[in-house]
Amino acid sequence: MAKAIWSAPPTDSFDVSPSASRCEAAPSSEGASTSARKVILTNVGHSFDRTGEDMLFRHLTMTLLPQHVYALTGPSGSGKSTLLSIIAGWVTPVTGSVERVDCGRVCWVLQNPHGVARRSAIDHVALPFIARGERRRDAEMHAMELLEAFGLRALADKPFRDLSGGEAQRLMLARGVASHAGLLLVDEPTAQLDLNTAATVNEHLHNLSMSGAIVVVATHDPRTRDACTDLIDLRDWQSEEEHHEVSAQ
């Protein structure tokens, strides 16, 4: 079960498929040690109210580390997607600061899995490796390893249009790992799935950090929450009370 964090704790890129995921550039960190990688949020707060009185969250202080999968939870409208954008550097918080250290690529996996209908599953995952200059044979070997990790090896040659919802979502997660992102953001990965199909996705969430990425998963699904290693509950950051930082273990 995920452990609560009370105060825990973007490189050359390519778009591997419109609507399926979003990978954007940041200073390159190819070859950088993942031990130095981190995202430091200090007293972060945000509001869409110009007066700053109606805050979505406030006093959010935490350090996000590699090889963790953080479940970002909270009721609808609490600011989960907004916080993902702040962590990515695409939105500037109203208060506080965010420091991204050696994060490299930032990749966002959307909740609706859209791929190229006639292209095979292995092609979807091999493309990021090919885009980084690997030979086709090597790219397919690495893609097959990721398909195995996400329970899709037997479906490698299956066209995207023939995948089930859960299979398609797991494929998008595998491709997110293939993007070699240092910071991988996943928005509601099971929102469009039935309970049984969602369970197959949750079963493989822990593999998202296998490449050393910092992974944050926004979700309202308690099963997804429990499949992650750490918990950030925005309900704990909606009062005036300030929290003292406790780094993830």
C-alpha atoms as a PDB file:
ATOM      1  CA  MET A   1       0.000   0.000   0.000  1.00  0.00           C
ATOM      2  CA  ALA A   2       1.230   3.492  -0.789  1.00  0.00           C
ATOM      3  CA  LYS A   3       2.790   5.446   2.031  1.00  0.00           C
ATOM      4  CA  ALA A   4       1.658   8.989   2.676  1.00  0.00           C
ATOM      5  CA  ILE A   5       4.015  11.883   2.142  1.00  0.00           C
ATOM      6  CA  TRP A   6       3.088  14.702   4.465  1.00  0.00           C
ATOM      7  CA  SER A   7       5.814  16.826   3.032  1.00  0.00           C
ATOM      8  CA  ALA A   8       8.135  14.743   1.054  1.00  0.00           C
ATOM      9  CA  PRO A   9       9.767  13.939  -0.030  1.00  0.00           C
ATOM     10  CA  PRO A  10      12.716  18.963 -19.939  1.00  0.00           C
ATOM     11  CA  THR A  11      15.971  17.548 -23.429  1.00  0.00           C
ATOM     12  CA  ASP A  12      15.537  17.018 -27.100  1.00  0.00           C
ATOM     13  CA  SER A  13      12.270  15.218 -27.564  1.00  0.00           C
ATOM     14  CA  PHE A  14       9.794  13.782 -29.965  1.00  0.00           C
ATOM     15  CA  ASP A  15       6.041  13.430 -30.017  1.00  0.00           C
ATOM     16  CA  VAL A  16       5.486   9.696 -30.134  1.00  0.00           C
ATOM     17  CA  SER A  17       1.804  10.089 -30.992  1.00  0.00           C
ATOM     18  CA  PRO A  18      -0.584  13.020 -30.861  1.00  0.00           C
ATOM     19  CA  SER A  19      -3.070  12.705 -28.006  1.00  0.00           C
ATOM     20  CA  ALA A  20      -1.386   9.599 -26.612  1.00  0.00           C
ATOM     21  CA  SER A  21       1.436  11.258 -24.753  1.00  0.00           C
ATOM     22  CA  ARG A  22       3.273  14.528 -24.648  1.00  0.00           C
ATOM     23  CA  CYS A  23       7.042  14.668 -24.411  1.00  0.00           C
ATOM     24  CA  GLU A  24       8.760  18.035 -24.301  1.00  0.00           C
ATOM     25  CA  ALA A  25      12.293  19.304 -24.289  1.00  0.00           C
ATOM     26  CA  ALA A  26      14.453  20.327 -21.393  1.00  0.00           C
ATOM     27  CA  PRO A  27      18.228  20.542 -20.892  1.00  0.00           C
ATOM     28  CA  SER A  28      19.722  17.172 -21.778  1.00  0.00           C
ATOM     29  CA  SER A  29      20.628  14.764 -19.033  1.00  0.00           C
ATOM     30  CA  GLU A  30      21.670  11.786 -21.163  1.00  0.00           C
ATOM     31  CA  GLY A  31      24.124   9.780 -19.131  1.00  0.00           C
ATOM     32  CA  ALA A  32      23.430  11.725 -15.954  1.00  0.00           C
ATOM     33  CA  SER A  33      23.251   9.760 -12.724  1.00  0.00           C
ATOM     34  CA  THR A  34      19.687   9.157 -11.598  1.00  0.00           C
ATOM     35  CA  SER A  35      20.938   9.523  -8.016  1.00  0.00           C
ATOM     36  CA  ALA A  36      21.126  13.283  -8.618  1.00  0.00           C
ATOM     37  CA  ARG A  37      17.683  13.489 -10.197  1.00  0.00           C
ATOM     38  CA  LYS A  38      14.994  15.147  -8.139  1.00  0.00           C
ATOM     39  CA  VAL A  39      12.137  17.624  -8.184  1.00  0.00           C
ATOM     40  CA  ILE A  40      12.058  19.993  -5.209  1.00  0.00           C
ATOM     41  CA  LEU A  41       8.800  21.799  -4.461  1.00  0.00           C
ATOM     42  CA  THR A  42       9.050  24.505  -1.811  1.00  0.00           C
ATOM     43  CA  ASN A  43       5.931  26.103  -0.305  1.00  0.00           C
ATOM     44  CA  VAL A  44       4.054  25.662  -3.592  1.00  0.00           C
ATOM     45  CA  GLY A  45       0.506  26.969  -3.842  1.00  0.00           C
ATOM     46  CA  HIS A  46      -1.793  27.728  -6.741  1.00  0.00           C
ATOM     47  CA  SER A  47      -5.075  29.451  -7.470  1.00  0.00           C
ATOM     48  CA  PHE A  48      -7.019  30.537 -10.553  1.00  0.00           C
ATOM     49  CA  ASP A  49      -8.566  33.310  -8.448  1.00  0.00           C
ATOM     50  CA  ARG A  50      -6.685  36.537  -9.137  1.00  0.00           C
ATOM     51  CA  THR A  51      -7.088  37.572  -5.518  1.00  0.00           C
ATOM     52  CA  GLY A  52      -5.282  34.401  -4.431  1.00  0.00           C
ATOM     53  CA  GLU A  53      -7.921  33.766  -1.791  1.00  0.00           C
ATOM     54  CA  ASP A  54      -9.396  30.569  -3.240  1.00  0.00           C
ATOM     55  CA  MET A  55      -6.296  28.349  -3.268  1.00  0.00           C
ATOM     56  CA  LEU A  56      -6.395  24.866  -4.803  1.00  0.00           C
ATOM     57  CA  PHE A  57      -3.507  23.846  -2.528  1.00  0.00           C
ATOM     58  CA  ARG A  58      -0.872  25.659  -0.502  1.00  0.00           C
ATOM     59  CA  HIS A  59       2.372  25.203   1.486  1.00  0.00           C
ATOM     60  CA  LEU A  60       3.209  22.107  -0.579  1.00  0.00           C
ATOM     61  CA  THR A  61       6.817  21.217   0.214  1.00  0.00           C
ATOM     62  CA  MET A  62       8.280  17.914  -0.950  1.00  0.00           C
ATOM     63  CA  THR A  63      11.129  16.264  -2.804  1.00  0.00           C
ATOM     64  CA  LEU A  64      10.297  13.785  -5.550  1.00  0.00           C
ATOM     65  CA  LEU A  65      12.913  11.106  -6.205  1.00  0.00           C
ATOM     66  CA  PRO A  66      13.711   8.529  -8.919  1.00  0.00           C
ATOM     67  CA  GLN A  67      12.448   4.966  -8.757  1.00  0.00           C
ATOM     68  CA  HIS A  68       9.353   6.056  -6.864  1.00  0.00           C
ATOM     69  CA  VAL A  69       5.824   6.049  -8.269  1.00  0.00           C
ATOM     70  CA  TYR A  70       3.850   8.822  -6.555  1.00  0.00           C
ATOM     71  CA  ALA A  71       0.060   8.613  -6.482  1.00  0.00           C
ATOM     72  CA  LEU A  72      -1.368  12.142  -6.653  1.00  0.00           C
ATOM     73  CA  THR A  73      -4.889  12.037  -5.227  1.00  0.00           C
ATOM     74  CA  GLY A  74      -7.653  14.414  -4.208  1.00  0.00           C
ATOM     75  CA  PRO A  75     -11.290  15.154  -5.056  1.00  0.00           C
ATOM     76  CA  SER A  76     -12.293  16.431  -8.486  1.00  0.00           C
ATOM     77  CA  GLY A  77     -11.270  20.064  -8.859  1.00  0.00           C
ATOM     78  CA  SER A  78      -8.552  19.852  -6.210  1.00  0.00           C
ATOM     79  CA  GLY A  79      -5.806  20.628  -8.723  1.00  0.00           C
ATOM     80  CA  LYS A  80      -4.259  17.263  -9.612  1.00  0.00           C
ATOM     81  CA  SER A  81      -3.708  18.046 -13.302  1.00  0.00           C
ATOM     82  CA  THR A  82      -2.619  21.573 -12.386  1.00  0.00           C
ATOM     83  CA  LEU A  83       0.018  20.226 -10.016  1.00  0.00           C
ATOM     84  CA  LEU A  84       1.256  17.848 -12.723  1.00  0.00           C
ATOM     85  CA  SER A  85       1.710  20.878 -14.995  1.00  0.00           C
ATOM     86  CA  ILE A  86       3.543  22.750 -12.235  1.00  0.00           C
ATOM     87  CA  ILE A  87       5.861  19.794 -11.630  1.00  0.00           C
ATOM     88  CA  ALA A  88       6.539  19.625 -15.379  1.00  0.00           C
ATOM     89  CA  GLY A  89       7.346  23.335 -15.520  1.00  0.00           C
ATOM     90  CA  TRP A  90       4.490  24.201 -17.850  1.00  0.00           C
ATOM     91  CA  VAL A  91       2.598  26.245 -15.231  1.00  0.00           C
ATOM     92  CA  THR A  92       4.154  28.701 -12.764  1.00  0.00           C
ATOM     93  CA  PRO A  93       2.698  28.370  -9.257  1.00  0.00           C
ATOM     94  CA  VAL A  94       1.167  31.431  -7.594  1.00  0.00           C
ATOM     95  CA  THR A  95       3.380  30.892  -4.557  1.00  0.00           C
ATOM     96  CA  GLY A  96       6.556  28.949  -3.898  1.00  0.00           C
ATOM     97  CA  SER A  97       9.139  27.474  -6.239  1.00  0.00           C
ATOM     98  CA  VAL A  98       9.908  24.281  -8.164  1.00  0.00           C
ATOM     99  CA  GLU A  99      13.427  23.090  -8.933  1.00  0.00           C
ATOM    100  CA  ARG A 100      13.969  20.244 -11.398  1.00  0.00           C
ATOM    101  CA  VAL A 101      17.432  18.684 -11.131  1.00  0.00           C
ATOM    102  CA  ASP A 102      18.734  16.436 -13.948  1.00  0.00           C
ATOM    103  CA  CYS A 103      15.196  15.517 -15.015  1.00  0.00           C
ATOM    104  CA  GLY A 104      15.827  15.510 -18.755  1.00  0.00           C
ATOM    105  CA  ARG A 105      12.752  14.776 -20.837  1.00  0.00           C
ATOM    106  CA  VAL A 106       9.334  15.407 -19.391  1.00  0.00           C
ATOM    107  CA  CYS A 107       6.689  13.027 -20.734  1.00  0.00           C
ATOM    108  CA  TRP A 108       2.959  13.193 -20.058  1.00  0.00           C
ATOM    109  CA  VAL A 109       0.832  10.074 -20.629  1.00  0.00           C
ATOM    110  CA  LEU A 110      -2.798  11.044 -21.138  1.00  0.00           C
ATOM    111  CA  GLN A 111      -5.816   9.094 -19.895  1.00  0.00           C
ATOM    112  CA  ASN A 112      -7.155   8.284 -23.367  1.00  0.00           C
ATOM    113  CA  PRO A 113      -4.844   5.837 -25.180  1.00  0.00           C
ATOM    114  CA  HIS A 114      -4.669   6.800 -28.856  1.00  0.00           C
ATOM    115  CA  GLY A 115      -2.225   5.181 -31.235  1.00  0.00           C
ATOM    116  CA  VAL A 116      -1.798   4.495 -34.935  1.00  0.00           C
ATOM    117  CA  ALA A 117      -4.566   2.033 -35.807  1.00  0.00           C
ATOM    118  CA  ARG A 118      -2.660  -0.234 -38.188  1.00  0.00           C
ATOM    119  CA  ARG A 119       0.753  -0.024 -36.536  1.00  0.00           C
ATOM    120  CA  SER A 120       1.784  -2.898 -34.291  1.00  0.00           C
ATOM    121  CA  ALA A 121       2.287  -2.688 -30.549  1.00  0.00           C
ATOM    122  CA  ILE A 122       6.030  -3.239 -30.882  1.00  0.00           C
ATOM    123  CA  ASP A 123       6.274  -0.417 -33.427  1.00  0.00           C
ATOM    124  CA  HIS A 124       4.696   1.995 -30.950  1.00  0.00           C
ATOM    125  CA  VAL A 125       7.328   1.193 -28.319  1.00  0.00           C
ATOM    126  CA  ALA A 126      10.280   0.842 -30.700  1.00  0.00           C
ATOM    127  CA  LEU A 127       9.760   4.315 -32.208  1.00  0.00           C
ATOM    128  CA  PRO A 128      11.272   6.265 -29.261  1.00  0.00           C
ATOM    129  CA  PHE A 129      14.409   4.115 -29.405  1.00  0.00           C
ATOM    130  CA  ILE A 130      14.706   4.623 -33.178  1.00  0.00           C
ATOM    131  CA  ALA A 131      14.200   8.371 -32.709  1.00  0.00           C
ATOM    132  CA  ARG A 132      17.265   8.354 -30.422  1.00  0.00           C
ATOM    133  CA  GLY A 133      19.367   6.760 -33.153  1.00  0.00           C
ATOM    134  CA  GLU A 134      19.151   3.032 -32.404  1.00  0.00           C
ATOM    135  CA  ARG A 135      19.130   0.515 -35.222  1.00  0.00           C
ATOM    136  CA  ARG A 136      15.765  -1.077 -35.874  1.00  0.00           C
ATOM    137  CA  ARG A 137      16.882  -4.463 -34.557  1.00  0.00           C
ATOM    138  CA  ASP A 138      18.180  -3.024 -31.283  1.00  0.00           C
ATOM    139  CA  ALA A 139      15.120  -0.812 -30.883  1.00  0.00           C
ATOM    140  CA  GLU A 140      12.800  -3.790 -31.280  1.00  0.00           C
ATOM    141  CA  MET A 141      14.820  -5.789 -28.746  1.00  0.00           C
ATOM    142  CA  HIS A 142      14.493  -2.999 -26.176  1.00  0.00           C
ATOM    143  CA  ALA A 143      10.822  -2.542 -27.060  1.00  0.00           C
ATOM    144  CA  MET A 144      10.190  -6.245 -26.523  1.00  0.00           C
ATOM    145  CA  GLU A 145      11.735  -6.018 -23.043  1.00  0.00           C
ATOM    146  CA  LEU A 146       9.264  -3.268 -22.147  1.00  0.00           C
ATOM    147  CA  LEU A 147       6.342  -5.148 -23.657  1.00  0.00           C
ATOM    148  CA  GLU A 148       7.318  -8.072 -21.452  1.00  0.00           C
ATOM    149  CA  ALA A 149       7.426  -5.826 -18.366  1.00  0.00           C
ATOM    150  CA  PHE A 150       3.905  -4.560 -19.090  1.00  0.00           C
ATOM    151  CA  GLY A 151       2.441  -7.976 -19.899  1.00  0.00           C
ATOM    152  CA  LEU A 152       2.186  -7.336 -23.641  1.00  0.00           C
ATOM    153  CA  ARG A 153       4.868  -9.590 -25.147  1.00  0.00           C
ATOM    154  CA  ALA A 154       2.328 -11.928 -26.747  1.00  0.00           C
ATOM    155  CA  LEU A 155       0.660  -8.927 -28.413  1.00  0.00           C
ATOM    156  CA  ALA A 156       3.810  -7.450 -29.970  1.00  0.00           C
ATOM    157  CA  ASP A 157       2.632  -7.927 -33.565  1.00  0.00           C
ATOM    158  CA  LYS A 158      -0.989  -7.030 -32.906  1.00  0.00           C
ATOM    159  CA  PRO A 159      -2.186  -3.761 -34.506  1.00  0.00           C
ATOM    160  CA  PHE A 160      -3.216  -1.003 -32.122  1.00  0.00           C
ATOM    161  CA  ARG A 161      -6.811  -1.059 -33.332  1.00  0.00           C
ATOM    162  CA  ASP A 162      -7.191  -4.651 -32.093  1.00  0.00           C
ATOM    163  CA  LEU A 163      -5.997  -3.984 -28.537  1.00  0.00           C
ATOM    164  CA  SER A 164      -8.429  -3.828 -25.636  1.00  0.00           C
ATOM    165  CA  GLY A 165      -8.674  -0.645 -23.567  1.00  0.00           C
ATOM    166  CA  GLY A 166      -6.419  -2.028 -20.853  1.00  0.00           C
ATOM    167  CA  GLU A 167      -3.884  -3.324 -23.367  1.00  0.00           C
ATOM    168  CA  ALA A 168      -3.806   0.027 -25.156  1.00  0.00           C
ATOM    169  CA  GLN A 169      -3.281   1.914 -21.898  1.00  0.00           C
ATOM    170  CA  ARG A 170      -0.455  -0.419 -20.846  1.00  0.00           C
ATOM    171  CA  LEU A 171       1.091   0.137 -24.274  1.00  0.00           C
ATOM    172  CA  MET A 172       1.046   3.905 -23.697  1.00  0.00           C
ATOM    173  CA  LEU A 173       2.708   3.401 -20.310  1.00  0.00           C
ATOM    174  CA  ALA A 174       5.384   1.187 -21.880  1.00  0.00           C
ATOM    175  CA  ARG A 175       6.004   3.824 -24.522  1.00  0.00           C
ATOM    176  CA  GLY A 176       6.253   6.462 -21.813  1.00  0.00           C
ATOM    177  CA  VAL A 177       9.110   4.465 -20.280  1.00  0.00           C
ATOM    178  CA  ALA A 178      10.642   4.015 -23.746  1.00  0.00           C
ATOM    179  CA  SER A 179      10.713   7.798 -24.162  1.00  0.00           C
ATOM    180  CA  HIS A 180      13.597   7.810 -21.659  1.00  0.00           C
ATOM    181  CA  ALA A 181      11.912  10.583 -19.723  1.00  0.00           C
ATOM    182  CA  GLY A 182      13.502  11.641 -16.466  1.00  0.00           C
ATOM    183  CA  LEU A 183      10.100  12.886 -15.327  1.00  0.00           C
ATOM    184  CA  LEU A 184       7.065  10.815 -16.302  1.00  0.00           C
ATOM    185  CA  LEU A 185       3.595  12.228 -15.554  1.00  0.00           C
ATOM    186  CA  VAL A 186       0.528  10.024 -15.918  1.00  0.00           C
ATOM    187  CA  ASP A 187      -2.974  11.499 -15.822  1.00  0.00           C
ATOM    188  CA  GLU A 188      -5.828   9.213 -14.663  1.00  0.00           C
ATOM    189  CA  PRO A 189      -4.602   6.002 -16.372  1.00  0.00           C
ATOM    190  CA  THR A 190      -7.688   3.966 -15.429  1.00  0.00           C
ATOM    191  CA  ALA A 191     -10.401   6.630 -15.696  1.00  0.00           C
ATOM    192  CA  GLN A 192     -11.850   5.254 -18.931  1.00  0.00           C
ATOM    193  CA  LEU A 193     -11.580   1.570 -17.979  1.00  0.00           C
ATOM    194  CA  ASP A 194     -13.884  -0.900 -16.257  1.00  0.00           C
ATOM    195  CA  LEU A 195     -12.735  -2.391 -12.947  1.00  0.00           C
ATOM    196  CA  ASN A 196     -11.323  -5.618 -14.377  1.00  0.00           C
ATOM    197  CA  THR A 197      -9.487  -3.849 -17.186  1.00  0.00           C
ATOM    198  CA  ALA A 198      -8.176  -1.187 -14.803  1.00  0.00           C
ATOM    199  CA  ALA A 199      -6.779  -3.919 -12.581  1.00  0.00           C
ATOM    200  CA  THR A 200      -4.526  -5.109 -15.409  1.00  0.00           C
ATOM    201  CA  VAL A 201      -3.123  -1.578 -15.735  1.00  0.00           C
ATOM    202  CA  ASN A 202      -2.608  -1.137 -11.987  1.00  0.00           C
ATOM    203  CA  GLU A 203      -0.778  -4.455 -11.843  1.00  0.00           C
ATOM    204  CA  HIS A 204       2.039  -2.990 -13.924  1.00  0.00           C
ATOM    205  CA  LEU A 205       2.272   0.572 -12.585  1.00  0.00           C
ATOM    206  CA  HIS A 206       5.355  -0.216 -10.480  1.00  0.00           C
ATOM    207  CA  ASN A 207       7.294  -0.860 -13.713  1.00  0.00           C
ATOM    208  CA  LEU A 208       6.961   2.798 -14.700  1.00  0.00           C
ATOM    209  CA  SER A 209      10.054   3.682 -12.668  1.00  0.00           C
ATOM    210  CA  MET A 210      12.206   0.858 -14.054  1.00  0.00           C
ATOM    211  CA  SER A 211      14.284   3.300 -16.125  1.00  0.00           C
ATOM    212  CA  GLY A 212      15.070   5.533 -13.147  1.00  0.00           C
ATOM    213  CA  ALA A 213      12.403   8.128 -13.863  1.00  0.00           C
ATOM    214  CA  ILE A 214      10.508  10.177 -11.321  1.00  0.00           C
ATOM    215  CA  VAL A 215       6.894   9.098 -11.839  1.00  0.00           C
ATOM    216  CA  VAL A 216       3.768  10.950 -10.695  1.00  0.00           C
ATOM    217  CA  VAL A 217       0.346   9.404 -11.353  1.00  0.00           C
ATOM    218  CA  ALA A 218      -2.758  11.566 -10.881  1.00  0.00           C
ATOM    219  CA  THR A 219      -5.688   9.341  -9.965  1.00  0.00           C
ATOM    220  CA  HIS A 220      -9.019   9.125  -8.185  1.00  0.00           C
ATOM    221  CA  ASP A 221      -8.908   5.315  -8.195  1.00  0.00           C
ATOM    222  CA  PRO A 222      -8.004   3.810  -4.784  1.00  0.00           C
ATOM    223  CA  ARG A 223      -6.624   0.703  -6.516  1.00  0.00           C
ATOM    224  CA  THR A 224      -4.262   2.819  -8.590  1.00  0.00           C
ATOM    225  CA  ARG A 225      -3.279   4.702  -5.447  1.00  0.00           C
ATOM    226  CA  ASP A 226      -2.416   1.475  -3.683  1.00  0.00           C
ATOM    227  CA  ALA A 227      -0.378   0.242  -6.667  1.00  0.00           C
ATOM    228  CA  CYS A 228       1.991   3.208  -6.297  1.00  0.00           C
ATOM    229  CA  THR A 229       4.874   3.400  -3.830  1.00  0.00           C
ATOM    230  CA  ASP A 230       4.084   6.833  -2.331  1.00  0.00           C
ATOM    231  CA  LEU A 231       1.021   9.006  -1.783  1.00  0.00           C
ATOM    232  CA  ILE A 232       0.496  12.749  -2.200  1.00  0.00           C
ATOM    233  CA  ASP A 233      -3.049  13.591  -1.085  1.00  0.00           C
ATOM    234  CA  LEU A 234      -3.961  17.173  -2.003  1.00  0.00           C
ATOM    235  CA  ARG A 235      -6.535  17.233   0.790  1.00  0.00           C
ATOM    236  CA  ASP A 236      -3.559  17.537   3.152  1.00  0.00           C
ATOM    237  CA  TRP A 237      -2.456  20.747   1.406  1.00  0.00           C
ATOM    238  CA  GLN A 238      -5.677  22.743   1.343  1.00  0.00           C
ATOM    239  CA  SER A 239      -5.467  24.422   4.752  1.00  0.00           C
ATOM    240  CA  GLU A 240      -3.401  27.325   6.017  1.00  0.00           C
ATOM    241  CA  GLU A 241      -1.308  24.930   8.103  1.00  0.00           C
ATOM    242  CA  GLU A 242       2.311  24.622   7.039  1.00  0.00           C
ATOM    243  CA  HIS A 243       3.945  21.197   6.994  1.00  0.00           C
ATOM    244  CA  HIS A 244       7.542  20.301   7.737  1.00  0.00           C
ATOM    245  CA  GLU A 245       9.360  18.418   5.010  1.00  0.00           C
ATOM    246  CA  VAL A 246       9.715  14.661   5.335  1.00  0.00           C
ATOM    247  CA  SER A 247      11.664  13.126   2.458  1.00  0.00           C
ATOM    248  CA  ALA A 248      10.491   9.902   0.845  1.00  0.00           C
ATOM    249  CA  GLN A 249      12.244   6.820   2.144  1.00  0.00           C
END
